[in-house]
Amino acid sequence: MPVQIKERYIKMITENPNDKNLEVSIKNYEDALTHPDKKDLEDVKKWVNKILK
């Protein structure tokens, strides 16, 4: 995701500091930055192998 999305979330949470949904959105954004990770790649490999069998 583009960094502008996080910047928008930060601006919004500055304006609405008690908005729990924005806190979750920022956390989800940060968590998504590490994907695809090794586990994701292993999972897709298993999925493809299962389909091809």
C-alpha atoms as a PDB file:
ATOM      1  CA  MET A   1       0.000   0.000   0.000  1.00  0.00           C
ATOM      2  CA  PRO A   2       1.195   3.494  -0.680  1.00  0.00           C
ATOM      3  CA  VAL A   3       2.620   5.471   2.227  1.00  0.00           C
ATOM      4  CA  GLN A   4      -0.016   8.140   1.556  1.00  0.00           C
ATOM      5  CA  ILE A   5      -2.618   5.832   3.077  1.00  0.00           C
ATOM      6  CA  LYS A   6      -0.755   5.684   6.379  1.00  0.00           C
ATOM      7  CA  GLU A   7      -0.246   9.448   6.272  1.00  0.00           C
ATOM      8  CA  ARG A   8      -3.989   9.907   5.799  1.00  0.00           C
ATOM      9  CA  TYR A   9      -4.737   7.576   8.735  1.00  0.00           C
ATOM     10  CA  ILE A  10      -2.287   9.470  10.949  1.00  0.00           C
ATOM     11  CA  LYS A  11      -3.877  12.790  10.010  1.00  0.00           C
ATOM     12  CA  MET A  12      -7.335  11.388  10.756  1.00  0.00           C
ATOM     13  CA  ILE A  13      -6.306   9.928  14.118  1.00  0.00           C
ATOM     14  CA  THR A  14      -4.714  13.247  15.068  1.00  0.00           C
ATOM     15  CA  GLU A  15      -8.096  14.837  14.473  1.00  0.00           C
ATOM     16  CA  ASN A  16      -9.992  11.973  16.176  1.00  0.00           C
ATOM     17  CA  PRO A  17      -7.647  10.477  18.799  1.00  0.00           C
ATOM     18  CA  ASN A  18     -10.314   8.222  20.326  1.00  0.00           C
ATOM     19  CA  ASP A  19     -11.213   6.491  17.058  1.00  0.00           C
ATOM     20  CA  LYS A  20     -10.355   2.842  17.661  1.00  0.00           C
ATOM     21  CA  ASN A  21     -11.087   1.933  14.040  1.00  0.00           C
ATOM     22  CA  LEU A  22      -8.298   4.222  12.898  1.00  0.00           C
ATOM     23  CA  GLU A  23      -5.913   2.611  15.373  1.00  0.00           C
ATOM     24  CA  VAL A  24      -6.801  -0.770  13.894  1.00  0.00           C
ATOM     25  CA  SER A  25      -6.373   0.577  10.362  1.00  0.00           C
ATOM     26  CA  ILE A  26      -2.880   1.858  11.154  1.00  0.00           C
ATOM     27  CA  LYS A  27      -1.925  -1.463  12.753  1.00  0.00           C
ATOM     28  CA  ASN A  28      -3.274  -3.384   9.755  1.00  0.00           C
ATOM     29  CA  TYR A  29      -1.338  -1.114   7.405  1.00  0.00           C
ATOM     30  CA  GLU A  30       1.898  -1.703   9.312  1.00  0.00           C
ATOM     31  CA  ASP A  31       1.296  -5.464   9.482  1.00  0.00           C
ATOM     32  CA  ALA A  32       0.652  -5.603   5.734  1.00  0.00           C
ATOM     33  CA  LEU A  33       4.062  -4.116   4.964  1.00  0.00           C
ATOM     34  CA  THR A  34       5.761  -7.422   5.765  1.00  0.00           C
ATOM     35  CA  HIS A  35       3.694  -9.404   3.253  1.00  0.00           C
ATOM     36  CA  PRO A  36       4.158 -11.543   1.366  1.00  0.00           C
ATOM     37  CA  ASP A  37       6.345 -13.187   3.946  1.00  0.00           C
ATOM     38  CA  LYS A  38       7.907 -16.650   4.073  1.00  0.00           C
ATOM     39  CA  LYS A  39       4.758 -18.238   5.505  1.00  0.00           C
ATOM     40  CA  ASP A  40       2.594 -16.680   2.781  1.00  0.00           C
ATOM     41  CA  LEU A  41       4.876 -18.118   0.109  1.00  0.00           C
ATOM     42  CA  GLU A  42       4.888 -21.550   1.750  1.00  0.00           C
ATOM     43  CA  ASP A  43       1.079 -21.489   1.987  1.00  0.00           C
ATOM     44  CA  VAL A  44       0.643 -20.592  -1.677  1.00  0.00           C
ATOM     45  CA  LYS A  45       3.093 -23.332  -2.675  1.00  0.00           C
ATOM     46  CA  LYS A  46       1.033 -25.887  -0.707  1.00  0.00           C
ATOM     47  CA  TRP A  47      -2.174 -24.556  -2.252  1.00  0.00           C
ATOM     48  CA  VAL A  48      -0.792 -24.831  -5.796  1.00  0.00           C
ATOM     49  CA  ASN A  49       0.525 -28.329  -5.175  1.00  0.00           C
ATOM     50  CA  LYS A  50      -2.863 -29.393  -3.805  1.00  0.00           C
ATOM     51  CA  ILE A  51      -4.640 -28.056  -6.901  1.00  0.00           C
ATOM     52  CA  LEU A  52      -2.208 -29.738  -9.279  1.00  0.00           C
ATOM     53  CA  LYS A  53      -2.588 -33.168  -7.663  1.00  0.00           C
END
